[in-house]
Amino acid sequence: MDLPRAAFASGTTSPDDDDTEAEAIEAAHEQAYGAYMDLKRPESDYLHLPWPSVDTLIGGIQPGTVGLVVAGSGQGKTSFLMSMTHLLLNRERCVYYLGLETTPPVLRTQLACLRLNLHPGDVLSGKLKGHPAWADYRKALIAELEAQKYQREGNRFLVGAQAHVDRAGLTLAAADAAKAKADVWIIDHVDHAAGSDYAENLLTMRHILSLSLQHGLRTICASQVNQASMAMDRLAIYRPPTRTAIKGGGHKLEVAAWALGVYRPIKKGVTRDELAAVKLDQADVSSILAPNTAGVSCLKNRNFGGLEGQRCLLHHERGLVREKTSFDDAQDHLRHRREENDHGQG
């Protein structure tokens, strides 16, 4: 049953009611009406992240909320966000990306590479230019970039041009995202916008929440972990980020409706001696990491607190992060068997 706004704003007060009580009643009616409108929100209005296993960690994302993606430096934060962008665009969603670590041309090249199943690093480093088929790859990349220019057919990808922003810059970016009717506003990463000062960081996060509420934006802020939290243990960066390790984590978690940690996980069966060898620089860290794997952990879920601490694994290859399949599990098992055999023969 649809109820008119008047049904929520028709409170009666007696002549003896003081102004404070009248204001409280009016506020309660407005708030109840807002809750009623949320109940009317269609299911399609909730954004779902494009990996089922990750979606179960946070659920549908409402407009006017802020989420957090946390990772150590070099642990796949941008790969995670760009893969998310690629997969959401394939679902005809609109993404506004404020890449404060990466220039707009590089972000657009990364998206073109993901569309063609090319590793962005091979293209951006110039490595692929030495390939015999470079002319064909280049032609295909140009075609992908041309498609991005016209914002059609799964290419509604908008990139903010600001390399460094303050609160005024964030205000402009949010207005642009709202004007474009973006389904998600990504800020990668928010520490560049906030600066190192704690008070400034706090004000910036509160400002982002206010902008998200004002424009009805679903906002995802990427953030790094504190380097100090990694100093005592070289391998800490390869474990799920903790809430206390988030840079300025206290106030970020206060603002965030949900938070995810992204990391490169250590593979199963690694021995203490193998871990010690890496810590002592006697072995490369790649020898202990799960191949082609990205780990995701739930740090916060305001709607479902019991999900905090739960994790999932995704497949990460050629710069693309996708859902892990049974085929990937089989490949990992065979790879592990080969490593065991090689170790036994050695």
C-alpha atoms as a PDB file:
ATOM      1  CA  MET A   1       0.000   0.000   0.000  1.00  0.00           C
ATOM      2  CA  ASP A   2       1.396   3.404  -1.015  1.00  0.00           C
ATOM      3  CA  LEU A   3       1.039   6.071   1.639  1.00  0.00           C
ATOM      4  CA  PRO A   4       1.172   9.763   0.751  1.00  0.00           C
ATOM      5  CA  ARG A   5       3.757  12.024   2.317  1.00  0.00           C
ATOM      6  CA  ALA A   6       0.915  13.685   4.243  1.00  0.00           C
ATOM      7  CA  ALA A   7       0.408  10.445   6.136  1.00  0.00           C
ATOM      8  CA  PHE A   8       3.860  10.955   7.637  1.00  0.00           C
ATOM      9  CA  ALA A   9       3.630  14.705   8.089  1.00  0.00           C
ATOM     10  CA  SER A  10       0.196  15.120   9.653  1.00  0.00           C
ATOM     11  CA  GLY A  11       1.139  15.016  13.309  1.00  0.00           C
ATOM     12  CA  THR A  12      -1.117  17.049  15.551  1.00  0.00           C
ATOM     13  CA  THR A  13       0.064  19.152  18.446  1.00  0.00           C
ATOM     14  CA  SER A  14      -1.876  21.006  21.084  1.00  0.00           C
ATOM     15  CA  PRO A  15      -1.496  24.734  21.650  1.00  0.00           C
ATOM     16  CA  ASP A  16       0.445  23.897  24.804  1.00  0.00           C
ATOM     17  CA  ASP A  17       3.172  21.986  22.974  1.00  0.00           C
ATOM     18  CA  ASP A  18       6.426  23.898  23.099  1.00  0.00           C
ATOM     19  CA  ASP A  19       8.548  24.516  20.033  1.00  0.00           C
ATOM     20  CA  THR A  20      10.988  21.747  20.904  1.00  0.00           C
ATOM     21  CA  GLU A  21       8.304  19.073  20.963  1.00  0.00           C
ATOM     22  CA  ALA A  22       6.760  20.342  17.732  1.00  0.00           C
ATOM     23  CA  GLU A  23      10.147  20.247  16.016  1.00  0.00           C
ATOM     24  CA  ALA A  24      10.771  16.721  17.318  1.00  0.00           C
ATOM     25  CA  ILE A  25       7.433  15.527  15.952  1.00  0.00           C
ATOM     26  CA  GLU A  26       8.085  17.133  12.570  1.00  0.00           C
ATOM     27  CA  ALA A  27      11.542  15.518  12.423  1.00  0.00           C
ATOM     28  CA  ALA A  28      10.102  12.113  13.330  1.00  0.00           C
ATOM     29  CA  HIS A  29       7.548  12.383  10.518  1.00  0.00           C
ATOM     30  CA  GLU A  30      10.239  13.312   7.995  1.00  0.00           C
ATOM     31  CA  GLN A  31      12.456  10.441   9.146  1.00  0.00           C
ATOM     32  CA  ALA A  32       9.606   7.935   8.989  1.00  0.00           C
ATOM     33  CA  TYR A  33       8.808   9.106   5.484  1.00  0.00           C
ATOM     34  CA  GLY A  34      12.462   8.616   4.490  1.00  0.00           C
ATOM     35  CA  ALA A  35      12.370   5.067   5.873  1.00  0.00           C
ATOM     36  CA  TYR A  36       9.132   4.431   3.992  1.00  0.00           C
ATOM     37  CA  MET A  37      10.728   5.582   0.734  1.00  0.00           C
ATOM     38  CA  ASP A  38      13.649   3.202   1.359  1.00  0.00           C
ATOM     39  CA  LEU A  39      11.156   0.342   1.650  1.00  0.00           C
ATOM     40  CA  LYS A  40       9.792   1.314  -1.764  1.00  0.00           C
ATOM     41  CA  ARG A  41      13.275   1.216  -3.301  1.00  0.00           C
ATOM     42  CA  PRO A  42      13.382  -1.399  -6.121  1.00  0.00           C
ATOM     43  CA  GLU A  43      15.868  -4.259  -5.914  1.00  0.00           C
ATOM     44  CA  SER A  44      17.636  -2.918  -9.021  1.00  0.00           C
ATOM     45  CA  ASP A  45      18.593   0.172  -7.009  1.00  0.00           C
ATOM     46  CA  TYR A  46      21.042  -1.876  -4.932  1.00  0.00           C
ATOM     47  CA  LEU A  47      24.444  -2.230  -6.568  1.00  0.00           C
ATOM     48  CA  HIS A  48      26.009  -5.690  -6.289  1.00  0.00           C
ATOM     49  CA  LEU A  49      29.742  -6.171  -6.709  1.00  0.00           C
ATOM     50  CA  PRO A  50      30.427  -8.382  -9.747  1.00  0.00           C
ATOM     51  CA  TRP A  51      31.845 -11.355  -7.825  1.00  0.00           C
ATOM     52  CA  PRO A  52      29.215 -13.542  -6.070  1.00  0.00           C
ATOM     53  CA  SER A  53      31.629 -14.555  -3.306  1.00  0.00           C
ATOM     54  CA  VAL A  54      32.461 -10.911  -2.533  1.00  0.00           C
ATOM     55  CA  ASP A  55      28.832  -9.849  -2.838  1.00  0.00           C
ATOM     56  CA  THR A  56      27.940 -12.262  -0.028  1.00  0.00           C
ATOM     57  CA  LEU A  57      30.379 -10.401   2.247  1.00  0.00           C
ATOM     58  CA  ILE A  58      28.670  -7.017   1.923  1.00  0.00           C
ATOM     59  CA  GLY A  59      25.298  -7.438   0.186  1.00  0.00           C
ATOM     60  CA  GLY A  60      23.573  -4.820  -1.950  1.00  0.00           C
ATOM     61  CA  ILE A  61      24.973  -1.267  -1.845  1.00  0.00           C
ATOM     62  CA  GLN A  62      22.468   1.533  -1.340  1.00  0.00           C
ATOM     63  CA  PRO A  63      22.791   5.028  -2.827  1.00  0.00           C
ATOM     64  CA  GLY A  64      24.129   7.529  -0.327  1.00  0.00           C
ATOM     65  CA  THR A  65      26.617   5.139   1.306  1.00  0.00           C
ATOM     66  CA  VAL A  66      30.413   4.933   1.481  1.00  0.00           C
ATOM     67  CA  GLY A  67      32.400   1.692   1.275  1.00  0.00           C
ATOM     68  CA  LEU A  68      36.091   1.075   1.847  1.00  0.00           C
ATOM     69  CA  VAL A  69      38.610  -1.134   0.016  1.00  0.00           C
ATOM     70  CA  VAL A  70      41.861  -1.502   1.953  1.00  0.00           C
ATOM     71  CA  ALA A  71      45.163  -2.973   0.752  1.00  0.00           C
ATOM     72  CA  GLY A  72      48.873  -2.671   1.283  1.00  0.00           C
ATOM     73  CA  SER A  73      50.997  -0.975  -1.364  1.00  0.00           C
ATOM     74  CA  GLY A  74      51.320  -3.221  -4.419  1.00  0.00           C
ATOM     75  CA  GLN A  75      48.782  -5.764  -3.167  1.00  0.00           C
ATOM     76  CA  GLY A  76      46.308  -5.427  -6.017  1.00  0.00           C
ATOM     77  CA  LYS A  77      44.076  -2.582  -4.914  1.00  0.00           C
ATOM     78  CA  THR A  78      43.887  -0.904  -8.320  1.00  0.00           C
ATOM     79  CA  SER A  79      43.624  -4.258 -10.131  1.00  0.00           C
ATOM     80  CA  PHE A  80      40.657  -5.054  -7.896  1.00  0.00           C
ATOM     81  CA  LEU A  81      38.983  -1.705  -8.594  1.00  0.00           C
ATOM     82  CA  MET A  82      39.685  -1.707 -12.342  1.00  0.00           C
ATOM     83  CA  SER A  83      38.425  -5.286 -12.654  1.00  0.00           C
ATOM     84  CA  MET A  84      35.322  -4.210 -10.743  1.00  0.00           C
ATOM     85  CA  THR A  85      34.929  -1.326 -13.198  1.00  0.00           C
ATOM     86  CA  HIS A  86      35.329  -3.603 -16.224  1.00  0.00           C
ATOM     87  CA  LEU A  87      32.798  -6.137 -14.944  1.00  0.00           C
ATOM     88  CA  LEU A  88      30.266  -3.477 -13.886  1.00  0.00           C
ATOM     89  CA  LEU A  89      30.508  -1.802 -17.283  1.00  0.00           C
ATOM     90  CA  ASN A  90      29.705  -5.172 -18.842  1.00  0.00           C
ATOM     91  CA  ARG A  91      26.503  -5.063 -16.763  1.00  0.00           C
ATOM     92  CA  GLU A  92      25.613  -1.699 -18.303  1.00  0.00           C
ATOM     93  CA  ARG A  93      26.494   0.198 -15.127  1.00  0.00           C
ATOM     94  CA  CYS A  94      28.093   3.666 -15.169  1.00  0.00           C
ATOM     95  CA  VAL A  95      31.361   4.146 -13.272  1.00  0.00           C
ATOM     96  CA  TYR A  96      32.978   7.455 -12.313  1.00  0.00           C
ATOM     97  CA  TYR A  97      36.626   6.832 -11.409  1.00  0.00           C
ATOM     98  CA  LEU A  98      38.730   9.400  -9.577  1.00  0.00           C
ATOM     99  CA  GLY A  99      42.192   7.852  -9.928  1.00  0.00           C
ATOM    100  CA  LEU A 100      44.468   9.943  -7.771  1.00  0.00           C
ATOM    101  CA  GLU A 101      47.381   7.515  -8.253  1.00  0.00           C
ATOM    102  CA  THR A 102      46.920   6.965 -11.983  1.00  0.00           C
ATOM    103  CA  THR A 103      46.381   9.369 -14.892  1.00  0.00           C
ATOM    104  CA  PRO A 104      43.167   9.177 -16.951  1.00  0.00           C
ATOM    105  CA  PRO A 105      44.959   7.957 -20.137  1.00  0.00           C
ATOM    106  CA  VAL A 106      46.576   5.107 -18.183  1.00  0.00           C
ATOM    107  CA  LEU A 107      43.238   4.121 -16.623  1.00  0.00           C
ATOM    108  CA  ARG A 108      41.603   4.042 -20.035  1.00  0.00           C
ATOM    109  CA  THR A 109      44.459   1.941 -21.410  1.00  0.00           C
ATOM    110  CA  GLN A 110      44.070  -0.452 -18.475  1.00  0.00           C
ATOM    111  CA  LEU A 111      40.365  -0.867 -19.242  1.00  0.00           C
ATOM    112  CA  ALA A 112      41.095  -1.468 -22.939  1.00  0.00           C
ATOM    113  CA  CYS A 113      43.625  -4.153 -21.959  1.00  0.00           C
ATOM    114  CA  LEU A 114      41.143  -5.912 -19.676  1.00  0.00           C
ATOM    115  CA  ARG A 115      38.607  -5.924 -22.505  1.00  0.00           C
ATOM    116  CA  LEU A 116      41.159  -7.688 -24.739  1.00  0.00           C
ATOM    117  CA  ASN A 117      42.531 -10.068 -22.087  1.00  0.00           C
ATOM    118  CA  LEU A 118      45.920  -8.369 -22.246  1.00  0.00           C
ATOM    119  CA  HIS A 119      48.002  -7.707 -19.160  1.00  0.00           C
ATOM    120  CA  PRO A 120      48.020  -3.902 -18.711  1.00  0.00           C
ATOM    121  CA  GLY A 121      51.649  -4.062 -17.570  1.00  0.00           C
ATOM    122  CA  ASP A 122      52.720  -5.588 -20.873  1.00  0.00           C
ATOM    123  CA  VAL A 123      51.240  -2.616 -22.726  1.00  0.00           C
ATOM    124  CA  LEU A 124      52.106   0.208 -20.328  1.00  0.00           C
ATOM    125  CA  SER A 125      55.725  -0.945 -19.985  1.00  0.00           C
ATOM    126  CA  GLY A 126      56.159  -1.178 -23.762  1.00  0.00           C
ATOM    127  CA  LYS A 127      56.941  -4.892 -23.510  1.00  0.00           C
ATOM    128  CA  LEU A 128      54.218  -5.888 -25.983  1.00  0.00           C
ATOM    129  CA  LYS A 129      55.660  -3.587 -28.649  1.00  0.00           C
ATOM    130  CA  GLY A 130      58.349  -6.167 -29.256  1.00  0.00           C
ATOM    131  CA  HIS A 131      55.792  -8.869 -30.012  1.00  0.00           C
ATOM    132  CA  PRO A 132      55.460  -9.913 -33.687  1.00  0.00           C
ATOM    133  CA  ALA A 133      51.705  -9.253 -33.516  1.00  0.00           C
ATOM    134  CA  TRP A 134      52.048  -5.773 -31.953  1.00  0.00           C
ATOM    135  CA  ALA A 135      50.432  -4.078 -34.965  1.00  0.00           C
ATOM    136  CA  ASP A 136      47.299  -6.192 -34.477  1.00  0.00           C
ATOM    137  CA  TYR A 137      47.274  -5.617 -30.709  1.00  0.00           C
ATOM    138  CA  ARG A 138      47.700  -1.878 -31.243  1.00  0.00           C
ATOM    139  CA  LYS A 139      44.805  -1.794 -33.719  1.00  0.00           C
ATOM    140  CA  ALA A 140      42.552  -3.633 -31.274  1.00  0.00           C
ATOM    141  CA  LEU A 141      43.532  -1.323 -28.395  1.00  0.00           C
ATOM    142  CA  ILE A 142      42.794   1.758 -30.494  1.00  0.00           C
ATOM    143  CA  ALA A 143      39.356   0.352 -31.327  1.00  0.00           C
ATOM    144  CA  GLU A 144      38.652  -0.152 -27.614  1.00  0.00           C
ATOM    145  CA  LEU A 145      39.753   3.410 -26.828  1.00  0.00           C
ATOM    146  CA  GLU A 146      37.538   4.732 -29.634  1.00  0.00           C
ATOM    147  CA  ALA A 147      34.561   2.904 -28.117  1.00  0.00           C
ATOM    148  CA  GLN A 148      35.261   4.508 -24.738  1.00  0.00           C
ATOM    149  CA  LYS A 149      35.045   7.992 -26.257  1.00  0.00           C
ATOM    150  CA  TYR A 150      31.327   7.739 -27.031  1.00  0.00           C
ATOM    151  CA  GLN A 151      30.056   6.382 -23.692  1.00  0.00           C
ATOM    152  CA  ARG A 152      27.929   3.672 -25.266  1.00  0.00           C
ATOM    153  CA  GLU A 153      27.585  -0.120 -25.216  1.00  0.00           C
ATOM    154  CA  GLY A 154      29.013  -0.878 -21.813  1.00  0.00           C
ATOM    155  CA  ASN A 155      31.582   1.916 -21.937  1.00  0.00           C
ATOM    156  CA  ARG A 156      30.041   4.477 -19.593  1.00  0.00           C
ATOM    157  CA  PHE A 157      33.412   5.006 -17.924  1.00  0.00           C
ATOM    158  CA  LEU A 158      34.070   8.536 -16.699  1.00  0.00           C
ATOM    159  CA  VAL A 159      37.481   9.467 -15.306  1.00  0.00           C
ATOM    160  CA  GLY A 160      38.144  12.514 -13.153  1.00  0.00           C
ATOM    161  CA  ALA A 161      41.073  14.561 -14.438  1.00  0.00           C
ATOM    162  CA  GLN A 162      42.279  15.817 -11.050  1.00  0.00           C
ATOM    163  CA  ALA A 163      45.652  14.395  -9.985  1.00  0.00           C
ATOM    164  CA  HIS A 164      45.346  15.886  -6.518  1.00  0.00           C
ATOM    165  CA  VAL A 165      42.120  17.032  -4.905  1.00  0.00           C
ATOM    166  CA  ASP A 166      41.021  18.749  -1.734  1.00  0.00           C
ATOM    167  CA  ARG A 167      37.471  18.978  -0.416  1.00  0.00           C
ATOM    168  CA  ALA A 168      36.579  21.530  -3.096  1.00  0.00           C
ATOM    169  CA  GLY A 169      37.850  19.150  -5.784  1.00  0.00           C
ATOM    170  CA  LEU A 170      35.854  16.287  -4.299  1.00  0.00           C
ATOM    171  CA  THR A 171      32.747  18.482  -4.364  1.00  0.00           C
ATOM    172  CA  LEU A 172      33.217  19.098  -8.101  1.00  0.00           C
ATOM    173  CA  ALA A 173      33.906  15.417  -8.796  1.00  0.00           C
ATOM    174  CA  ALA A 174      30.801  14.318  -6.883  1.00  0.00           C
ATOM    175  CA  ALA A 175      28.669  16.788  -8.842  1.00  0.00           C
ATOM    176  CA  ASP A 176      30.092  15.419 -12.111  1.00  0.00           C
ATOM    177  CA  ALA A 177      29.381  11.839 -11.013  1.00  0.00           C
ATOM    178  CA  ALA A 178      25.807  12.764 -10.075  1.00  0.00           C
ATOM    179  CA  LYS A 179      25.266  14.602 -13.362  1.00  0.00           C
ATOM    180  CA  ALA A 180      26.407  11.505 -15.252  1.00  0.00           C
ATOM    181  CA  LYS A 181      24.050   9.373 -13.113  1.00  0.00           C
ATOM    182  CA  ALA A 182      26.992   7.200 -12.129  1.00  0.00           C
ATOM    183  CA  ASP A 183      26.112   3.925 -10.406  1.00  0.00           C
ATOM    184  CA  VAL A 184      29.336   4.093  -8.410  1.00  0.00           C
ATOM    185  CA  TRP A 185      31.928   6.760  -7.591  1.00  0.00           C
ATOM    186  CA  ILE A 186      35.401   5.295  -6.986  1.00  0.00           C
ATOM    187  CA  ILE A 187      38.126   7.306  -5.227  1.00  0.00           C
ATOM    188  CA  ASP A 188      41.524   5.609  -5.635  1.00  0.00           C
ATOM    189  CA  HIS A 189      42.894   6.300  -3.194  1.00  0.00           C
ATOM    190  CA  VAL A 190      41.379   8.562  -0.579  1.00  0.00           C
ATOM    191  CA  ASP A 191      44.631   9.145   1.317  1.00  0.00           C
ATOM    192  CA  HIS A 192      45.824  11.287  -1.602  1.00  0.00           C
ATOM    193  CA  ALA A 193      42.765  13.479  -1.174  1.00  0.00           C
ATOM    194  CA  ALA A 194      42.938  13.701   2.596  1.00  0.00           C
ATOM    195  CA  GLY A 195      46.625  14.258   3.186  1.00  0.00           C
ATOM    196  CA  SER A 196      48.609  12.996   6.132  1.00  0.00           C
ATOM    197  CA  ASP A 197      47.104  15.226   8.810  1.00  0.00           C
ATOM    198  CA  TYR A 198      44.652  13.272  10.986  1.00  0.00           C
ATOM    199  CA  ALA A 199      42.226  16.177  11.419  1.00  0.00           C
ATOM    200  CA  GLU A 200      42.204  16.869   7.677  1.00  0.00           C
ATOM    201  CA  ASN A 201      41.682  13.170   6.964  1.00  0.00           C
ATOM    202  CA  LEU A 202      38.712  13.090   9.321  1.00  0.00           C
ATOM    203  CA  LEU A 203      37.104  16.146   7.708  1.00  0.00           C
ATOM    204  CA  THR A 204      37.671  14.718   4.237  1.00  0.00           C
ATOM    205  CA  MET A 205      35.955  11.421   5.042  1.00  0.00           C
ATOM    206  CA  ARG A 206      32.998  13.224   6.578  1.00  0.00           C
ATOM    207  CA  HIS A 207      32.819  15.456   3.510  1.00  0.00           C
ATOM    208  CA  ILE A 208      32.774  12.414   1.207  1.00  0.00           C
ATOM    209  CA  LEU A 209      29.887  10.946   3.209  1.00  0.00           C
ATOM    210  CA  SER A 210      27.997  14.246   3.007  1.00  0.00           C
ATOM    211  CA  LEU A 211      28.511  14.385  -0.775  1.00  0.00           C
ATOM    212  CA  SER A 212      27.361  10.782  -1.131  1.00  0.00           C
ATOM    213  CA  LEU A 213      24.186  11.527   0.817  1.00  0.00           C
ATOM    214  CA  GLN A 214      23.570  14.802  -1.010  1.00  0.00           C
ATOM    215  CA  HIS A 215      23.840  13.257  -4.483  1.00  0.00           C
ATOM    216  CA  GLY A 216      22.677   9.732  -3.695  1.00  0.00           C
ATOM    217  CA  LEU A 217      26.038   8.282  -4.749  1.00  0.00           C
ATOM    218  CA  ARG A 218      27.363   4.822  -4.006  1.00  0.00           C
ATOM    219  CA  THR A 219      30.949   5.707  -3.139  1.00  0.00           C
ATOM    220  CA  ILE A 220      33.911   3.346  -2.841  1.00  0.00           C
ATOM    221  CA  CYS A 221      37.080   4.754  -1.293  1.00  0.00           C
ATOM    222  CA  ALA A 222      40.356   2.873  -1.600  1.00  0.00           C
ATOM    223  CA  SER A 223      42.828   3.241   1.254  1.00  0.00           C
ATOM    224  CA  GLN A 224      46.248   1.944   2.188  1.00  0.00           C
ATOM    225  CA  VAL A 225      47.402   0.281   5.374  1.00  0.00           C
ATOM    226  CA  ASN A 226      49.788   1.978   7.774  1.00  0.00           C
ATOM    227  CA  GLN A 227      53.362   1.174   6.826  1.00  0.00           C
ATOM    228  CA  ALA A 228      54.228   1.157  10.524  1.00  0.00           C
ATOM    229  CA  SER A 229      51.881  -1.791  11.038  1.00  0.00           C
ATOM    230  CA  MET A 230      53.971  -3.793   8.537  1.00  0.00           C
ATOM    231  CA  ALA A 231      57.391  -2.846   9.921  1.00  0.00           C
ATOM    232  CA  MET A 232      57.640  -5.590  12.549  1.00  0.00           C
ATOM    233  CA  ASP A 233      56.666  -8.458  10.224  1.00  0.00           C
ATOM    234  CA  ARG A 234      57.723  -8.578   6.597  1.00  0.00           C
ATOM    235  CA  LEU A 235      54.981 -11.077   5.766  1.00  0.00           C
ATOM    236  CA  ALA A 236      52.148  -9.145   7.438  1.00  0.00           C
ATOM    237  CA  ILE A 237      51.274  -7.527   4.109  1.00  0.00           C
ATOM    238  CA  TYR A 238      50.384 -10.974   2.720  1.00  0.00           C
ATOM    239  CA  ARG A 239      47.749 -11.586   5.369  1.00  0.00           C
ATOM    240  CA  PRO A 240      44.237 -10.079   5.555  1.00  0.00           C
ATOM    241  CA  PRO A 241      44.453  -6.404   6.604  1.00  0.00           C
ATOM    242  CA  THR A 242      43.239  -5.710  10.130  1.00  0.00           C
ATOM    243  CA  ARG A 243      40.955  -2.873  11.174  1.00  0.00           C
ATOM    244  CA  THR A 244      43.749  -1.311  13.244  1.00  0.00           C
ATOM    245  CA  ALA A 245      46.149  -1.396  10.277  1.00  0.00           C
ATOM    246  CA  ILE A 246      43.983   0.900   8.113  1.00  0.00           C
ATOM    247  CA  LYS A 247      45.597   4.292   7.618  1.00  0.00           C
ATOM    248  CA  GLY A 248      43.433   6.615   9.739  1.00  0.00           C
ATOM    249  CA  GLY A 249      41.180   3.606  10.204  1.00  0.00           C
ATOM    250  CA  GLY A 250      39.113   4.797  13.159  1.00  0.00           C
ATOM    251  CA  HIS A 251      37.233   7.576  11.438  1.00  0.00           C
ATOM    252  CA  LYS A 252      37.184   5.797   8.062  1.00  0.00           C
ATOM    253  CA  LEU A 253      35.359   2.866   9.609  1.00  0.00           C
ATOM    254  CA  GLU A 254      32.938   5.246  11.321  1.00  0.00           C
ATOM    255  CA  VAL A 255      31.967   6.653   7.919  1.00  0.00           C
ATOM    256  CA  ALA A 256      31.998   3.382   5.966  1.00  0.00           C
ATOM    257  CA  ALA A 257      28.904   1.192   5.717  1.00  0.00           C
ATOM    258  CA  TRP A 258      31.187  -1.689   4.743  1.00  0.00           C
ATOM    259  CA  ALA A 259      34.895  -2.345   4.349  1.00  0.00           C
ATOM    260  CA  LEU A 260      36.886  -4.995   2.494  1.00  0.00           C
ATOM    261  CA  GLY A 261      40.547  -5.934   2.792  1.00  0.00           C
ATOM    262  CA  VAL A 262      42.408  -7.030  -0.355  1.00  0.00           C
ATOM    263  CA  TYR A 263      45.664  -8.992  -0.162  1.00  0.00           C
ATOM    264  CA  ARG A 264      47.861 -11.577  -1.896  1.00  0.00           C
ATOM    265  CA  PRO A 265      47.444 -14.697   0.227  1.00  0.00           C
ATOM    266  CA  ILE A 266      50.106 -17.162   1.318  1.00  0.00           C
ATOM    267  CA  LYS A 267      49.425 -20.585  -0.183  1.00  0.00           C
ATOM    268  CA  LYS A 268      48.403 -23.583   1.871  1.00  0.00           C
ATOM    269  CA  GLY A 269      51.037 -25.969   3.176  1.00  0.00           C
ATOM    270  CA  VAL A 270      53.889 -23.484   3.465  1.00  0.00           C
ATOM    271  CA  THR A 271      56.309 -24.569   6.198  1.00  0.00           C
ATOM    272  CA  ARG A 272      57.894 -22.456   8.902  1.00  0.00           C
ATOM    273  CA  ASP A 273      61.279 -22.979   7.269  1.00  0.00           C
ATOM    274  CA  GLU A 274      59.962 -21.641   3.954  1.00  0.00           C
ATOM    275  CA  LEU A 275      58.508 -18.584   5.695  1.00  0.00           C
ATOM    276  CA  ALA A 276      61.767 -18.027   7.549  1.00  0.00           C
ATOM    277  CA  ALA A 277      63.755 -18.242   4.314  1.00  0.00           C
ATOM    278  CA  VAL A 278      61.659 -15.424   2.800  1.00  0.00           C
ATOM    279  CA  LYS A 279      62.019 -13.286   5.916  1.00  0.00           C
ATOM    280  CA  LEU A 280      65.815 -13.724   5.745  1.00  0.00           C
ATOM    281  CA  ASP A 281      65.894 -12.902   1.991  1.00  0.00           C
ATOM    282  CA  GLN A 282      67.036 -16.436   1.234  1.00  0.00           C
ATOM    283  CA  ALA A 283      63.977 -17.106  -0.964  1.00  0.00           C
ATOM    284  CA  ASP A 284      61.746 -15.006  -3.163  1.00  0.00           C
ATOM    285  CA  VAL A 285      58.367 -14.104  -1.714  1.00  0.00           C
ATOM    286  CA  SER A 286      56.642 -15.538  -4.795  1.00  0.00           C
ATOM    287  CA  SER A 287      57.642 -19.004  -3.590  1.00  0.00           C
ATOM    288  CA  ILE A 288      55.176 -18.821  -0.698  1.00  0.00           C
ATOM    289  CA  LEU A 289      52.263 -16.956  -2.343  1.00  0.00           C
ATOM    290  CA  ALA A 290      49.188 -18.642  -3.792  1.00  0.00           C
ATOM    291  CA  PRO A 291      49.562 -18.273  -7.581  1.00  0.00           C
ATOM    292  CA  ASN A 292      47.011 -16.243  -9.535  1.00  0.00           C
ATOM    293  CA  THR A 293      45.023 -15.558  -6.374  1.00  0.00           C
ATOM    294  CA  ALA A 294      43.596 -12.476  -4.672  1.00  0.00           C
ATOM    295  CA  GLY A 295      42.242 -12.674  -1.142  1.00  0.00           C
ATOM    296  CA  VAL A 296      39.314 -10.562   0.084  1.00  0.00           C
ATOM    297  CA  SER A 297      38.247 -10.261   3.717  1.00  0.00           C
ATOM    298  CA  CYS A 298      35.298  -8.488   5.324  1.00  0.00           C
ATOM    299  CA  LEU A 299      36.471  -5.839   7.789  1.00  0.00           C
ATOM    300  CA  LYS A 300      33.071  -4.282   8.423  1.00  0.00           C
ATOM    301  CA  ASN A 301      29.455  -4.791   7.456  1.00  0.00           C
ATOM    302  CA  ARG A 302      27.023  -2.416   9.105  1.00  0.00           C
ATOM    303  CA  ASN A 303      24.024  -4.519   8.066  1.00  0.00           C
ATOM    304  CA  PHE A 304      25.445  -7.961   8.870  1.00  0.00           C
ATOM    305  CA  GLY A 305      28.013  -7.749  11.648  1.00  0.00           C
ATOM    306  CA  GLY A 306      28.450 -11.515  11.763  1.00  0.00           C
ATOM    307  CA  LEU A 307      30.207 -11.462   8.373  1.00  0.00           C
ATOM    308  CA  GLU A 308      33.214  -9.565   9.677  1.00  0.00           C
ATOM    309  CA  GLY A 309      36.336 -11.713   9.442  1.00  0.00           C
ATOM    310  CA  GLN A 310      34.978 -13.939   6.683  1.00  0.00           C
ATOM    311  CA  ARG A 311      37.106 -14.296   3.550  1.00  0.00           C
ATOM    312  CA  CYS A 312      36.976 -15.445  -0.050  1.00  0.00           C
ATOM    313  CA  LEU A 313      39.516 -16.086  -2.798  1.00  0.00           C
ATOM    314  CA  LEU A 314      39.362 -14.724  -6.341  1.00  0.00           C
ATOM    315  CA  HIS A 315      41.346 -15.610  -9.459  1.00  0.00           C
ATOM    316  CA  HIS A 316      43.862 -12.925 -10.510  1.00  0.00           C
ATOM    317  CA  GLU A 317      45.522 -13.283 -13.901  1.00  0.00           C
ATOM    318  CA  ARG A 318      46.592 -10.817 -16.616  1.00  0.00           C
ATOM    319  CA  GLY A 319      45.506  -7.976 -14.378  1.00  0.00           C
ATOM    320  CA  LEU A 320      41.895  -9.223 -14.240  1.00  0.00           C
ATOM    321  CA  VAL A 321      40.318 -10.272 -10.950  1.00  0.00           C
ATOM    322  CA  ARG A 322      37.417 -12.662 -11.467  1.00  0.00           C
ATOM    323  CA  GLU A 323      35.436 -15.273  -9.573  1.00  0.00           C
ATOM    324  CA  LYS A 324      37.448 -18.393  -8.771  1.00  0.00           C
ATOM    325  CA  THR A 325      36.052 -21.503 -10.479  1.00  0.00           C
ATOM    326  CA  SER A 326      36.389 -25.224  -9.838  1.00  0.00           C
ATOM    327  CA  PHE A 327      38.739 -25.359 -12.821  1.00  0.00           C
ATOM    328  CA  ASP A 328      41.036 -22.886 -11.069  1.00  0.00           C
ATOM    329  CA  ASP A 329      40.941 -25.042  -7.940  1.00  0.00           C
ATOM    330  CA  ALA A 330      41.930 -28.095  -9.985  1.00  0.00           C
ATOM    331  CA  GLN A 331      44.795 -26.203 -11.594  1.00  0.00           C
ATOM    332  CA  ASP A 332      46.001 -25.048  -8.170  1.00  0.00           C
ATOM    333  CA  HIS A 333      45.875 -28.631  -6.905  1.00  0.00           C
ATOM    334  CA  LEU A 334      47.914 -29.920  -9.854  1.00  0.00           C
ATOM    335  CA  ARG A 335      50.427 -27.105  -9.429  1.00  0.00           C
ATOM    336  CA  HIS A 336      50.787 -27.933  -5.742  1.00  0.00           C
ATOM    337  CA  ARG A 337      51.366 -31.610  -6.589  1.00  0.00           C
ATOM    338  CA  ARG A 338      54.093 -30.680  -9.083  1.00  0.00           C
ATOM    339  CA  GLU A 339      55.792 -28.463  -6.509  1.00  0.00           C
ATOM    340  CA  GLU A 340      55.698 -31.285  -3.956  1.00  0.00           C
ATOM    341  CA  ASN A 341      57.233 -33.689  -6.490  1.00  0.00           C
ATOM    342  CA  ASP A 342      59.935 -31.193  -7.456  1.00  0.00           C
ATOM    343  CA  HIS A 343      60.713 -30.592  -3.793  1.00  0.00           C
ATOM    344  CA  GLY A 344      60.960 -34.357  -3.155  1.00  0.00           C
ATOM    345  CA  GLN A 345      63.271 -34.875  -6.122  1.00  0.00           C
ATOM    346  CA  GLY A 346      65.454 -32.004  -5.014  1.00  0.00           C
END
